[in-house]
Amino acid sequence: MIERELERLLADAKQDLTLKNALLRTRSEADPTEAFCACCRSNGYQITPGELFAVGMTAGDAKLRSVNGGGVTPIDGWDDAYEHFFASLIWSS
């Protein structure tokens, strides 16, 4: 579910400059992840910090499993769904 919510949020933010700017402003908050998730929920997207961290960890674990024993050490950043979301949002403009 979280993956679909992030995809929907990204697609909508690319089309809605107000939403995009609101999401970008959350990055300067004292707790940016919580601010991001609160902004998401207030705009109708069911995204929580726990789910956001879990989806990144799940994706990183799947990448390690896909190399048939060759990937024993995760690469920094593979599991950061929050940063991946913002990279996609910022570079899509």
Protein backbone atom coordinates (compact mmCIF):
# COMPACT_ATOMS: atom_id res chain seq x y z
CA MET A 1 0.00 0.00 0.00
CA ILE A 2 2.73 2.51 0.93
CA GLU A 3 4.40 2.03 -2.44
CA ARG A 4 1.17 2.96 -4.23
CA GLU A 5 0.64 5.94 -1.95
CA LEU A 6 4.15 7.23 -2.67
CA GLU A 7 3.64 6.74 -6.42
CA ARG A 8 0.29 8.53 -6.28
CA LEU A 9 1.77 11.34 -4.17
CA LEU A 10 4.70 11.77 -6.54
CA ALA A 11 2.45 11.87 -9.61
CA ASP A 12 0.10 14.37 -7.97
CA ALA A 13 2.94 16.58 -6.66
CA LYS A 14 4.43 16.76 -10.16
CA GLN A 15 1.12 18.19 -11.36
CA ASP A 16 0.26 20.37 -8.34
CA LEU A 17 2.84 23.05 -7.55
CA THR A 18 1.16 23.90 -4.23
CA LEU A 19 1.43 20.30 -3.04
CA LYS A 20 5.00 20.03 -4.30
CA ASN A 21 6.07 23.18 -2.46
CA ALA A 22 4.34 22.06 0.74
CA LEU A 23 6.23 18.76 0.60
CA LEU A 24 9.55 20.50 -0.10
CA ARG A 25 9.03 22.87 2.86
CA THR A 26 8.82 19.89 5.23
CA ARG A 27 12.52 19.23 4.63
CA SER A 28 13.47 22.28 6.71
CA GLU A 29 11.42 21.26 9.77
CA ALA A 30 13.03 20.05 13.01
CA ASP A 31 11.68 16.53 12.31
CA PRO A 32 11.43 16.45 8.51
CA THR A 33 10.17 12.88 8.23
CA GLU A 34 7.30 13.47 10.65
CA ALA A 35 6.50 16.80 8.98
CA PHE A 36 6.50 15.10 5.57
CA CYS A 37 4.16 12.37 6.75
CA ALA A 38 1.86 14.87 8.48
CA CYS A 39 1.70 16.91 5.26
CA CYS A 40 0.92 13.74 3.32
CA ARG A 41 -1.87 12.72 5.68
CA SER A 42 -3.38 16.21 5.69
CA ASN A 43 -3.58 15.97 1.90
CA GLY A 44 -5.21 12.54 1.88
CA TYR A 45 -2.20 10.25 1.47
CA GLN A 46 -1.88 7.51 4.09
CA ILE A 47 1.86 7.61 4.77
CA THR A 48 3.41 7.16 8.21
CA PRO A 49 7.06 7.36 9.28
CA GLY A 50 7.12 3.68 10.23
CA GLU A 51 5.81 2.60 6.85
CA LEU A 52 8.19 4.93 5.09
CA PHE A 53 11.21 3.42 6.84
CA ALA A 54 9.89 -0.13 6.44
CA VAL A 55 9.35 0.17 2.68
CA GLY A 56 12.93 1.33 2.23
CA MET A 57 14.31 -1.51 4.31
CA THR A 58 12.18 -4.03 2.42
CA ALA A 59 13.42 -2.73 -0.92
CA GLY A 60 17.05 -2.80 0.25
CA ASP A 61 16.67 -6.35 1.57
CA ALA A 62 15.13 -7.49 -1.72
CA LYS A 63 18.08 -6.06 -3.66
CA LEU A 64 20.53 -7.95 -1.46
CA ARG A 65 18.61 -11.21 -1.91
CA SER A 66 18.57 -10.75 -5.68
CA VAL A 67 22.33 -11.21 -6.07
CA ASN A 68 22.41 -14.90 -5.07
CA GLY A 69 24.65 -14.55 -2.05
CA GLY A 70 26.96 -11.94 -3.56
CA GLY A 71 25.42 -8.98 -1.76
CA VAL A 72 26.32 -9.32 1.87
CA THR A 73 26.79 -5.64 2.65
CA PRO A 74 24.04 -3.16 1.85
CA ILE A 75 24.92 -0.02 -0.09
CA ASP A 76 24.22 3.17 1.85
CA GLY A 77 21.10 4.90 0.56
CA TRP A 78 19.41 1.88 -1.01
CA ASP A 79 16.94 1.77 1.84
CA ASP A 80 16.05 5.47 2.03
CA ALA A 81 12.59 5.75 0.46
CA TYR A 82 12.22 9.28 1.86
CA GLU A 83 15.31 10.56 0.03
CA HIS A 84 14.43 8.60 -3.11
CA PHE A 85 11.01 10.25 -3.12
CA PHE A 86 12.51 13.74 -2.91
CA ALA A 87 15.15 12.99 -5.52
CA SER A 88 12.42 11.94 -7.92
CA LEU A 89 10.28 14.96 -7.05
CA ILE A 90 13.08 17.50 -7.40
CA TRP A 91 14.62 16.08 -10.58
CA SER A 92 11.26 15.59 -12.30
CA SER A 93 10.70 19.33 -12.69
